Amino acid sequence: FPIEECPKLESYLQDELQFDDRIFGRLGELYGVDVRDMQYLDLFCAQYQAQGGDTEGGGDTMDRLEAHRDGSLLSFSLLLNDEADFEGGGTFYDALRDDEQQLETVDVLQPGGVIRPKQGDCTFHCGKILHGADVVTSGRRTVMVGFVEVHERNQREGALGEACTQFGRMDVALKRWETHLKRLAKQRGRQQLQQQEEEAEEEKGGSKWLTMSRKLWRPRSTAQLVLKSMPLFSSVDARADAEFQRLRKLEAEDKLLRNVLLPAAERKEIGVLREAGIESHPGFEVVEE
């Protein structure tokens, strides 16, 4: 549920815990972004429950969240309940999946690139890297999740778009491969059905001309002929390979993380933005330094 829908919780977080100041302050330290250049895109609580467990109040429950990328540049996840209340869970990162060296030095990092923090610990990361919620095998895991937007003056122009383009190219390559396999499966299915009909017709002593006419199929258009006879090129097959896809996306993630945030000296100051006619940015208030 969104935090804003629970006024008591929202008041407690801000008045008692100074939650926003602490979260944005820590993000500022980690990523070098001024706290005034950050705002929530979303802030909510989520619960993951093992399959087959008791579901209070009914409704749908989930035990995991598949790999995805957030709509925000920065994100965080805060574990609310005791880690003894559940087994499994945590946030997995594809980029950490094979990092055996850190497994020996970072106690919260588990095999498979899963980070399992303790109660009250917060995991910060770029929302654009591939991640998800690992499966909860027993009990319930409750977290607070925040998506944080960063003012565009901190971002290198085109860096995010370039990464998204690369992610999209890999998705399109995979879709093309899947589409071709479906076409081949349909074509083979039609051929098998046609063969079965022909055999049945011959067993009944039917007309040989009828059988031959089915074999003499003619495409209705040139495009149909091309689609039916299009070979699966080796390059299409190679670009759909799971490890090829993963490495290309990791390369795009690495480049994005290195380039998306500008050094402080290269960021446009508020005065420059105002001279350019930018009085404000959606969600941000322009304030003099």
C-alpha atoms as a PDB file:
ATOM      1  CA  PHE A   1       0.000   0.000   0.000  1.00  0.00           C
ATOM      2  CA  PRO A   2       1.193   3.582  -0.624  1.00  0.00           C
ATOM      3  CA  ILE A   3       2.532   5.288   2.501  1.00  0.00           C
ATOM      4  CA  GLU A   4       0.430   8.376   1.769  1.00  0.00           C
ATOM      5  CA  GLU A   5      -2.705   6.274   2.280  1.00  0.00           C
ATOM      6  CA  CYS A   6      -1.758   5.734   5.926  1.00  0.00           C
ATOM      7  CA  PRO A   7      -1.549   9.210   7.563  1.00  0.00           C
ATOM      8  CA  LYS A   8      -0.448   7.873  10.952  1.00  0.00           C
ATOM      9  CA  LEU A   9       2.468   5.974   9.442  1.00  0.00           C
ATOM     10  CA  GLU A  10       3.393   8.903   7.220  1.00  0.00           C
ATOM     11  CA  SER A  11       3.355  11.260  10.205  1.00  0.00           C
ATOM     12  CA  TYR A  12       5.444   8.854  12.283  1.00  0.00           C
ATOM     13  CA  LEU A  13       8.053   8.510   9.537  1.00  0.00           C
ATOM     14  CA  GLN A  14       8.429  12.250   9.052  1.00  0.00           C
ATOM     15  CA  ASP A  15       7.885  13.651  12.556  1.00  0.00           C
ATOM     16  CA  GLU A  16       9.457  10.953  14.694  1.00  0.00           C
ATOM     17  CA  LEU A  17      12.084   9.421  12.435  1.00  0.00           C
ATOM     18  CA  GLN A  18      12.886  12.254   9.995  1.00  0.00           C
ATOM     19  CA  PHE A  19      12.740   9.478   7.440  1.00  0.00           C
ATOM     20  CA  ASP A  20      13.072  11.566   4.280  1.00  0.00           C
ATOM     21  CA  ASP A  21      16.052  13.522   5.616  1.00  0.00           C
ATOM     22  CA  ARG A  22      17.849  10.320   6.535  1.00  0.00           C
ATOM     23  CA  ILE A  23      17.059   8.504   3.286  1.00  0.00           C
ATOM     24  CA  PHE A  24      17.882  11.393   0.970  1.00  0.00           C
ATOM     25  CA  GLY A  25      20.930  12.241   3.060  1.00  0.00           C
ATOM     26  CA  ARG A  26      22.298   8.729   2.668  1.00  0.00           C
ATOM     27  CA  LEU A  27      21.529   8.676  -1.057  1.00  0.00           C
ATOM     28  CA  GLY A  28      23.299  12.018  -1.377  1.00  0.00           C
ATOM     29  CA  GLU A  29      26.396  10.588   0.295  1.00  0.00           C
ATOM     30  CA  LEU A  30      26.409   7.469  -1.873  1.00  0.00           C
ATOM     31  CA  TYR A  31      25.667   9.068  -5.243  1.00  0.00           C
ATOM     32  CA  GLY A  32      26.824  12.656  -4.785  1.00  0.00           C
ATOM     33  CA  VAL A  33      23.399  14.193  -5.391  1.00  0.00           C
ATOM     34  CA  ASP A  34      22.101  17.227  -3.504  1.00  0.00           C
ATOM     35  CA  VAL A  35      19.142  16.276  -1.283  1.00  0.00           C
ATOM     36  CA  ARG A  36      17.154  19.133  -2.873  1.00  0.00           C
ATOM     37  CA  ASP A  37      17.488  17.401  -6.240  1.00  0.00           C
ATOM     38  CA  MET A  38      15.663  14.255  -5.125  1.00  0.00           C
ATOM     39  CA  GLN A  39      12.009  13.408  -4.628  1.00  0.00           C
ATOM     40  CA  TYR A  40       9.867  10.285  -4.332  1.00  0.00           C
ATOM     41  CA  LEU A  41       8.359   8.871  -7.455  1.00  0.00           C
ATOM     42  CA  ASP A  42       6.702   6.296  -5.199  1.00  0.00           C
ATOM     43  CA  LEU A  43       6.940   5.120  -1.578  1.00  0.00           C
ATOM     44  CA  PHE A  44       5.055   2.023  -0.459  1.00  0.00           C
ATOM     45  CA  CYS A  45       5.009  -1.131   1.672  1.00  0.00           C
ATOM     46  CA  ALA A  46       4.988  -4.593   0.121  1.00  0.00           C
ATOM     47  CA  GLN A  47       4.653  -8.055   1.597  1.00  0.00           C
ATOM     48  CA  TYR A  48       5.893 -11.362   0.242  1.00  0.00           C
ATOM     49  CA  GLN A  49       4.417 -14.586   1.607  1.00  0.00           C
ATOM     50  CA  ALA A  50       5.388 -18.187   1.023  1.00  0.00           C
ATOM     51  CA  GLN A  51       2.991 -20.187  -1.120  1.00  0.00           C
ATOM     52  CA  GLY A  52       0.498 -22.230   0.878  1.00  0.00           C
ATOM     53  CA  GLY A  53       0.717 -19.976   3.913  1.00  0.00           C
ATOM     54  CA  ASP A  54      -2.192 -18.430   5.799  1.00  0.00           C
ATOM     55  CA  THR A  55      -3.560 -15.396   3.924  1.00  0.00           C
ATOM     56  CA  GLU A  56      -5.137 -12.997   6.386  1.00  0.00           C
ATOM     57  CA  GLY A  57      -7.943 -10.952   4.896  1.00  0.00           C
ATOM     58  CA  GLY A  58      -7.863 -12.915   1.655  1.00  0.00           C
ATOM     59  CA  GLY A  59      -6.652 -11.337  -1.549  1.00  0.00           C
ATOM     60  CA  ASP A  60      -3.751 -12.154  -3.795  1.00  0.00           C
ATOM     61  CA  THR A  61      -0.315 -12.753  -2.320  1.00  0.00           C
ATOM     62  CA  MET A  62       3.076 -13.119  -3.957  1.00  0.00           C
ATOM     63  CA  ASP A  63       6.144 -14.988  -2.851  1.00  0.00           C
ATOM     64  CA  ARG A  64       8.593 -13.287  -5.236  1.00  0.00           C
ATOM     65  CA  LEU A  65       8.984 -10.570  -7.857  1.00  0.00           C
ATOM     66  CA  GLU A  66      10.525 -11.391 -11.215  1.00  0.00           C
ATOM     67  CA  ALA A  67      13.567  -9.532 -12.555  1.00  0.00           C
ATOM     68  CA  HIS A  68      12.727  -5.989 -13.648  1.00  0.00           C
ATOM     69  CA  ARG A  69      13.948  -2.392 -13.854  1.00  0.00           C
ATOM     70  CA  ASP A  70      12.337   0.423 -11.888  1.00  0.00           C
ATOM     71  CA  GLY A  71      10.908   3.604 -13.329  1.00  0.00           C
ATOM     72  CA  SER A  72      13.221   5.669 -11.123  1.00  0.00           C
ATOM     73  CA  LEU A  73      16.944   6.347 -11.345  1.00  0.00           C
ATOM     74  CA  LEU A  74      17.504   5.497  -7.661  1.00  0.00           C
ATOM     75  CA  SER A  75      15.654   2.986  -5.494  1.00  0.00           C
ATOM     76  CA  PHE A  76      15.817   1.507  -2.014  1.00  0.00           C
ATOM     77  CA  SER A  77      14.300  -1.351  -0.024  1.00  0.00           C
ATOM     78  CA  LEU A  78      14.026  -1.362   3.794  1.00  0.00           C
ATOM     79  CA  LEU A  79      13.328  -4.603   5.673  1.00  0.00           C
ATOM     80  CA  LEU A  80      10.604  -3.965   8.276  1.00  0.00           C
ATOM     81  CA  ASN A  81      10.122  -7.270  10.054  1.00  0.00           C
ATOM     82  CA  ASP A  82      12.540  -9.611  11.822  1.00  0.00           C
ATOM     83  CA  GLU A  83      14.475 -11.828   9.429  1.00  0.00           C
ATOM     84  CA  ALA A  84      13.559 -14.748  11.745  1.00  0.00           C
ATOM     85  CA  ASP A  85       9.934 -14.367  10.603  1.00  0.00           C
ATOM     86  CA  PHE A  86      10.672 -15.865   7.194  1.00  0.00           C
ATOM     87  CA  GLU A  87      13.092 -17.903   5.116  1.00  0.00           C
ATOM     88  CA  GLY A  88      14.408 -16.965   1.698  1.00  0.00           C
ATOM     89  CA  GLY A  89      13.514 -13.562   0.300  1.00  0.00           C
ATOM     90  CA  GLY A  90      15.865 -10.667  -0.243  1.00  0.00           C
ATOM     91  CA  THR A  91      16.713  -8.675  -3.370  1.00  0.00           C
ATOM     92  CA  PHE A  92      18.643 -10.375  -6.158  1.00  0.00           C
ATOM     93  CA  TYR A  93      20.812  -8.519  -8.652  1.00  0.00           C
ATOM     94  CA  ASP A  94      21.777 -10.117 -11.937  1.00  0.00           C
ATOM     95  CA  ALA A  95      25.098  -8.243 -11.904  1.00  0.00           C
ATOM     96  CA  LEU A  96      26.069  -9.964  -8.617  1.00  0.00           C
ATOM     97  CA  ARG A  97      25.006 -13.444  -9.679  1.00  0.00           C
ATOM     98  CA  ASP A  98      28.529 -14.714 -10.354  1.00  0.00           C
ATOM     99  CA  ASP A  99      30.442 -12.548  -7.870  1.00  0.00           C
ATOM    100  CA  GLU A 100      32.028 -15.330  -5.820  1.00  0.00           C
ATOM    101  CA  GLN A 101      34.762 -13.055  -4.473  1.00  0.00           C
ATOM    102  CA  GLN A 102      32.320 -10.804  -2.613  1.00  0.00           C
ATOM    103  CA  LEU A 103      30.502 -13.840  -1.197  1.00  0.00           C
ATOM    104  CA  GLU A 104      33.501 -14.321   1.079  1.00  0.00           C
ATOM    105  CA  THR A 105      33.609 -10.722   2.334  1.00  0.00           C
ATOM    106  CA  VAL A 106      30.018  -9.417   2.366  1.00  0.00           C
ATOM    107  CA  ASP A 107      27.890 -11.279   4.910  1.00  0.00           C
ATOM    108  CA  VAL A 108      24.526 -10.110   3.519  1.00  0.00           C
ATOM    109  CA  LEU A 109      25.334 -11.352  -0.015  1.00  0.00           C
ATOM    110  CA  GLN A 110      24.075 -14.865  -0.720  1.00  0.00           C
ATOM    111  CA  PRO A 111      24.640 -17.171  -3.718  1.00  0.00           C
ATOM    112  CA  GLY A 112      22.773 -16.115  -6.821  1.00  0.00           C
ATOM    113  CA  GLY A 113      23.431 -12.424  -6.226  1.00  0.00           C
ATOM    114  CA  VAL A 114      20.844 -12.200  -3.430  1.00  0.00           C
ATOM    115  CA  ILE A 115      21.218  -9.553  -0.721  1.00  0.00           C
ATOM    116  CA  ARG A 116      19.459 -10.491   2.529  1.00  0.00           C
ATOM    117  CA  PRO A 117      19.711  -7.598   4.997  1.00  0.00           C
ATOM    118  CA  LYS A 118      18.775  -7.606   8.666  1.00  0.00           C
ATOM    119  CA  GLN A 119      15.713  -5.904  10.087  1.00  0.00           C
ATOM    120  CA  GLY A 120      16.020  -2.134   9.755  1.00  0.00           C
ATOM    121  CA  ASP A 121      18.747  -2.339   7.110  1.00  0.00           C
ATOM    122  CA  CYS A 122      18.229  -0.506   3.837  1.00  0.00           C
ATOM    123  CA  THR A 123      19.513  -1.535   0.420  1.00  0.00           C
ATOM    124  CA  PHE A 124      20.186   1.328  -2.027  1.00  0.00           C
ATOM    125  CA  HIS A 125      20.721   0.819  -5.739  1.00  0.00           C
ATOM    126  CA  CYS A 126      20.214   2.283  -9.187  1.00  0.00           C
ATOM    127  CA  GLY A 127      16.679   1.424 -10.237  1.00  0.00           C
ATOM    128  CA  LYS A 128      17.771   0.718 -13.800  1.00  0.00           C
ATOM    129  CA  ILE A 129      19.884  -2.348 -13.006  1.00  0.00           C
ATOM    130  CA  LEU A 130      18.142  -5.694 -13.359  1.00  0.00           C
ATOM    131  CA  HIS A 131      16.877  -6.915  -9.985  1.00  0.00           C
ATOM    132  CA  GLY A 132      13.956  -8.657  -8.312  1.00  0.00           C
ATOM    133  CA  ALA A 133      12.651 -10.123  -5.064  1.00  0.00           C
ATOM    134  CA  ASP A 134      13.906 -13.620  -4.304  1.00  0.00           C
ATOM    135  CA  VAL A 135      11.329 -16.266  -3.402  1.00  0.00           C
ATOM    136  CA  VAL A 136      10.120 -16.460   0.213  1.00  0.00           C
ATOM    137  CA  THR A 137      10.010 -20.153   1.111  1.00  0.00           C
ATOM    138  CA  SER A 138       8.297 -19.809   4.505  1.00  0.00           C
ATOM    139  CA  GLY A 139       6.710 -17.042   6.547  1.00  0.00           C
ATOM    140  CA  ARG A 140       6.215 -13.446   5.490  1.00  0.00           C
ATOM    141  CA  ARG A 141       8.634 -10.702   4.533  1.00  0.00           C
ATOM    142  CA  THR A 142       7.560  -7.048   4.729  1.00  0.00           C
ATOM    143  CA  VAL A 143       9.523  -4.221   3.151  1.00  0.00           C
ATOM    144  CA  MET A 144       9.222  -0.515   2.475  1.00  0.00           C
ATOM    145  CA  VAL A 145      10.231   0.382  -1.053  1.00  0.00           C
ATOM    146  CA  GLY A 146      11.063   3.801  -2.435  1.00  0.00           C
ATOM    147  CA  PHE A 147      11.548   4.982  -6.012  1.00  0.00           C
ATOM    148  CA  VAL A 148      13.540   8.224  -6.066  1.00  0.00           C
ATOM    149  CA  GLU A 149      13.701  10.586  -9.018  1.00  0.00           C
ATOM    150  CA  VAL A 150      16.756  12.792  -9.561  1.00  0.00           C
ATOM    151  CA  HIS A 151      16.630  16.268 -11.116  1.00  0.00           C
ATOM    152  CA  GLU A 152      17.822  16.203 -14.724  1.00  0.00           C
ATOM    153  CA  ARG A 153      20.573  18.762 -14.059  1.00  0.00           C
ATOM    154  CA  ASN A 154      22.490  15.938 -12.350  1.00  0.00           C
ATOM    155  CA  GLN A 155      22.202  13.563 -15.304  1.00  0.00           C
ATOM    156  CA  ARG A 156      24.398  13.286 -18.372  1.00  0.00           C
ATOM    157  CA  GLU A 157      22.244  13.946 -21.397  1.00  0.00           C
ATOM    158  CA  GLY A 158      21.514  10.832 -23.418  1.00  0.00           C
ATOM    159  CA  ALA A 159      23.082   8.343 -20.976  1.00  0.00           C
ATOM    160  CA  LEU A 160      19.803   6.849 -19.796  1.00  0.00           C
ATOM    161  CA  GLY A 161      18.336   6.815 -23.303  1.00  0.00           C
ATOM    162  CA  GLU A 162      21.377   4.996 -24.670  1.00  0.00           C
ATOM    163  CA  ALA A 163      21.098   2.285 -22.012  1.00  0.00           C
ATOM    164  CA  CYS A 164      17.366   1.842 -22.603  1.00  0.00           C
ATOM    165  CA  THR A 165      18.029   1.558 -26.342  1.00  0.00           C
ATOM    166  CA  GLN A 166      20.496  -1.261 -25.729  1.00  0.00           C
ATOM    167  CA  PHE A 167      18.078  -3.032 -23.367  1.00  0.00           C
ATOM    168  CA  GLY A 168      15.376  -2.683 -26.025  1.00  0.00           C
ATOM    169  CA  ARG A 169      17.577  -4.065 -28.781  1.00  0.00           C
ATOM    170  CA  MET A 170      18.186  -7.210 -26.811  1.00  0.00           C
ATOM    171  CA  ASP A 171      14.465  -7.571 -26.045  1.00  0.00           C
ATOM    172  CA  VAL A 172      13.623  -7.160 -29.735  1.00  0.00           C
ATOM    173  CA  ALA A 173      16.254  -9.750 -30.714  1.00  0.00           C
ATOM    174  CA  LEU A 174      14.735 -12.241 -28.272  1.00  0.00           C
ATOM    175  CA  LYS A 175      11.213 -11.489 -29.462  1.00  0.00           C
ATOM    176  CA  ARG A 176      12.244 -11.978 -33.089  1.00  0.00           C
ATOM    177  CA  TRP A 177      13.708 -15.363 -32.240  1.00  0.00           C
ATOM    178  CA  GLU A 178      10.599 -16.415 -30.283  1.00  0.00           C
ATOM    179  CA  THR A 179       8.311 -15.259 -33.091  1.00  0.00           C
ATOM    180  CA  HIS A 180      10.285 -17.239 -35.656  1.00  0.00           C
ATOM    181  CA  LEU A 181      10.088 -20.386 -33.511  1.00  0.00           C
ATOM    182  CA  LYS A 182       6.326 -19.988 -33.209  1.00  0.00           C
ATOM    183  CA  ARG A 183       6.018 -19.656 -36.980  1.00  0.00           C
ATOM    184  CA  LEU A 184       8.092 -22.771 -37.510  1.00  0.00           C
ATOM    185  CA  ALA A 185       5.991 -24.677 -34.972  1.00  0.00           C
ATOM    186  CA  LYS A 186       2.759 -23.633 -36.723  1.00  0.00           C
ATOM    187  CA  GLN A 187       4.173 -24.528 -40.110  1.00  0.00           C
ATOM    188  CA  ARG A 188       5.269 -27.963 -38.904  1.00  0.00           C
ATOM    189  CA  GLY A 189       1.902 -28.468 -37.259  1.00  0.00           C
ATOM    190  CA  ARG A 190       0.089 -27.682 -40.518  1.00  0.00           C
ATOM    191  CA  GLN A 191       2.395 -30.008 -42.431  1.00  0.00           C
ATOM    192  CA  GLN A 192       1.785 -32.845 -39.953  1.00  0.00           C
ATOM    193  CA  LEU A 193      -1.981 -32.290 -40.092  1.00  0.00           C
ATOM    194  CA  GLN A 194      -1.928 -32.224 -43.873  1.00  0.00           C
ATOM    195  CA  GLN A 195       0.084 -35.423 -43.967  1.00  0.00           C
ATOM    196  CA  GLN A 196      -2.376 -37.127 -41.614  1.00  0.00           C
ATOM    197  CA  GLU A 197      -5.326 -36.045 -43.752  1.00  0.00           C
ATOM    198  CA  GLU A 198      -3.628 -37.307 -46.901  1.00  0.00           C
ATOM    199  CA  GLU A 199      -2.868 -40.674 -45.319  1.00  0.00           C
ATOM    200  CA  ALA A 200      -6.442 -40.988 -44.089  1.00  0.00           C
ATOM    201  CA  GLU A 201      -7.749 -40.120 -47.557  1.00  0.00           C
ATOM    202  CA  GLU A 202      -5.544 -42.708 -49.213  1.00  0.00           C
ATOM    203  CA  GLU A 203      -6.630 -45.385 -46.722  1.00  0.00           C
ATOM    204  CA  LYS A 204     -10.233 -44.669 -47.653  1.00  0.00           C
ATOM    205  CA  GLY A 205      -9.339 -45.051 -51.315  1.00  0.00           C
ATOM    206  CA  GLY A 206     -10.125 -41.418 -52.032  1.00  0.00           C
ATOM    207  CA  SER A 207      -9.192 -39.420 -55.065  1.00  0.00           C
ATOM    208  CA  LYS A 208      -5.490 -39.160 -55.727  1.00  0.00           C
ATOM    209  CA  TRP A 209      -6.159 -35.826 -57.392  1.00  0.00           C
ATOM    210  CA  LEU A 210      -7.556 -34.462 -54.097  1.00  0.00           C
ATOM    211  CA  THR A 211      -4.418 -35.586 -52.313  1.00  0.00           C
ATOM    212  CA  MET A 212      -2.191 -34.030 -54.955  1.00  0.00           C
ATOM    213  CA  SER A 213      -4.100 -30.751 -54.877  1.00  0.00           C
ATOM    214  CA  ARG A 214      -3.315 -30.349 -51.205  1.00  0.00           C
ATOM    215  CA  LYS A 215       0.358 -30.813 -51.911  1.00  0.00           C
ATOM    216  CA  LEU A 216       0.251 -28.182 -54.632  1.00  0.00           C
ATOM    217  CA  TRP A 217      -0.337 -25.352 -52.140  1.00  0.00           C
ATOM    218  CA  ARG A 218       0.135 -21.854 -53.478  1.00  0.00           C
ATOM    219  CA  PRO A 219       0.916 -18.837 -51.282  1.00  0.00           C
ATOM    220  CA  ARG A 220      -1.613 -16.004 -51.463  1.00  0.00           C
ATOM    221  CA  SER A 221       1.144 -13.381 -51.568  1.00  0.00           C
ATOM    222  CA  THR A 222       4.896 -12.937 -51.875  1.00  0.00           C
ATOM    223  CA  ALA A 223       5.024 -11.862 -48.208  1.00  0.00           C
ATOM    224  CA  GLN A 224       3.350 -15.093 -47.140  1.00  0.00           C
ATOM    225  CA  LEU A 225       5.881 -17.091 -49.131  1.00  0.00           C
ATOM    226  CA  VAL A 226       8.763 -15.170 -47.523  1.00  0.00           C
ATOM    227  CA  LEU A 227       7.414 -15.693 -44.002  1.00  0.00           C
ATOM    228  CA  LYS A 228       6.921 -19.397 -44.553  1.00  0.00           C
ATOM    229  CA  SER A 229      10.372 -19.953 -45.990  1.00  0.00           C
ATOM    230  CA  MET A 230      12.388 -17.466 -43.886  1.00  0.00           C
ATOM    231  CA  PRO A 231      15.387 -19.299 -42.404  1.00  0.00           C
ATOM    232  CA  LEU A 232      16.526 -18.806 -38.823  1.00  0.00           C
ATOM    233  CA  PHE A 233      19.811 -17.005 -39.453  1.00  0.00           C
ATOM    234  CA  SER A 234      22.699 -17.897 -37.147  1.00  0.00           C
ATOM    235  CA  SER A 235      22.975 -14.243 -36.055  1.00  0.00           C
ATOM    236  CA  VAL A 236      19.339 -14.262 -34.867  1.00  0.00           C
ATOM    237  CA  ASP A 237      19.933 -17.468 -32.948  1.00  0.00           C
ATOM    238  CA  ALA A 238      23.164 -16.121 -31.411  1.00  0.00           C
ATOM    239  CA  ARG A 239      21.591 -12.819 -30.269  1.00  0.00           C
ATOM    240  CA  ALA A 240      18.835 -14.745 -28.522  1.00  0.00           C
ATOM    241  CA  ASP A 241      21.310 -16.801 -26.504  1.00  0.00           C
ATOM    242  CA  ALA A 242      20.641 -16.215 -22.782  1.00  0.00           C
ATOM    243  CA  GLU A 243      24.257 -15.566 -21.843  1.00  0.00           C
ATOM    244  CA  PHE A 244      24.804 -13.268 -24.832  1.00  0.00           C
ATOM    245  CA  GLN A 245      21.722 -11.286 -23.834  1.00  0.00           C
ATOM    246  CA  ARG A 246      22.839 -11.091 -20.210  1.00  0.00           C
ATOM    247  CA  LEU A 247      26.364  -9.891 -21.010  1.00  0.00           C
ATOM    248  CA  ARG A 248      25.156  -7.209 -23.418  1.00  0.00           C
ATOM    249  CA  LYS A 249      22.684  -5.893 -20.860  1.00  0.00           C
ATOM    250  CA  LEU A 250      25.311  -5.936 -18.114  1.00  0.00           C
ATOM    251  CA  GLU A 251      27.637  -3.948 -20.364  1.00  0.00           C
ATOM    252  CA  ALA A 252      24.877  -1.377 -20.851  1.00  0.00           C
ATOM    253  CA  GLU A 253      24.244  -1.269 -17.088  1.00  0.00           C
ATOM    254  CA  ASP A 254      27.936  -0.770 -16.350  1.00  0.00           C
ATOM    255  CA  LYS A 255      28.202   2.092 -18.830  1.00  0.00           C
ATOM    256  CA  LEU A 256      25.055   3.683 -17.430  1.00  0.00           C
ATOM    257  CA  LEU A 257      26.275   3.525 -13.822  1.00  0.00           C
ATOM    258  CA  ARG A 258      29.611   5.076 -14.792  1.00  0.00           C
ATOM    259  CA  ASN A 259      28.150   7.916 -16.848  1.00  0.00           C
ATOM    260  CA  VAL A 260      24.583   8.818 -15.931  1.00  0.00           C
ATOM    261  CA  LEU A 261      25.417  11.136 -12.993  1.00  0.00           C
ATOM    262  CA  LEU A 262      27.485  14.178 -13.847  1.00  0.00           C
ATOM    263  CA  PRO A 263      30.393  15.276 -11.645  1.00  0.00           C
ATOM    264  CA  ALA A 264      29.326  18.175  -9.425  1.00  0.00           C
ATOM    265  CA  ALA A 265      31.505  20.606 -11.398  1.00  0.00           C
ATOM    266  CA  GLU A 266      29.657  19.799 -14.639  1.00  0.00           C
ATOM    267  CA  ARG A 267      26.126  20.237 -13.317  1.00  0.00           C
ATOM    268  CA  LYS A 268      24.174  23.280 -14.381  1.00  0.00           C
ATOM    269  CA  GLU A 269      23.583  25.609 -11.469  1.00  0.00           C
ATOM    270  CA  ILE A 270      20.105  26.809 -10.672  1.00  0.00           C
ATOM    271  CA  GLY A 271      20.927  30.283 -11.989  1.00  0.00           C
ATOM    272  CA  VAL A 272      21.881  28.820 -15.378  1.00  0.00           C
ATOM    273  CA  LEU A 273      18.605  26.923 -15.523  1.00  0.00           C
ATOM    274  CA  ARG A 274      16.682  30.087 -14.801  1.00  0.00           C
ATOM    275  CA  GLU A 275      18.564  31.960 -17.548  1.00  0.00           C
ATOM    276  CA  ALA A 276      17.577  29.158 -19.915  1.00  0.00           C
ATOM    277  CA  GLY A 277      13.941  29.836 -19.043  1.00  0.00           C
ATOM    278  CA  ILE A 278      13.564  26.769 -16.820  1.00  0.00           C
ATOM    279  CA  GLU A 279      11.774  28.067 -13.741  1.00  0.00           C
ATOM    280  CA  SER A 280      11.007  24.606 -12.437  1.00  0.00           C
ATOM    281  CA  HIS A 281      11.078  20.945 -13.284  1.00  0.00           C
ATOM    282  CA  PRO A 282       8.084  18.630 -12.748  1.00  0.00           C
ATOM    283  CA  GLY A 283       8.161  17.703  -9.079  1.00  0.00           C
ATOM    284  CA  PHE A 284      11.069  19.995  -8.197  1.00  0.00           C
ATOM    285  CA  GLU A 285      11.134  23.562  -7.001  1.00  0.00           C
ATOM    286  CA  VAL A 286      13.903  25.809  -8.277  1.00  0.00           C
ATOM    287  CA  VAL A 287      15.592  27.365  -5.240  1.00  0.00           C
ATOM    288  CA  GLU A 288      18.605  29.682  -5.298  1.00  0.00           C
ATOM    289  CA  GLU A 289      21.839  28.150  -4.033  1.00  0.00           C
END
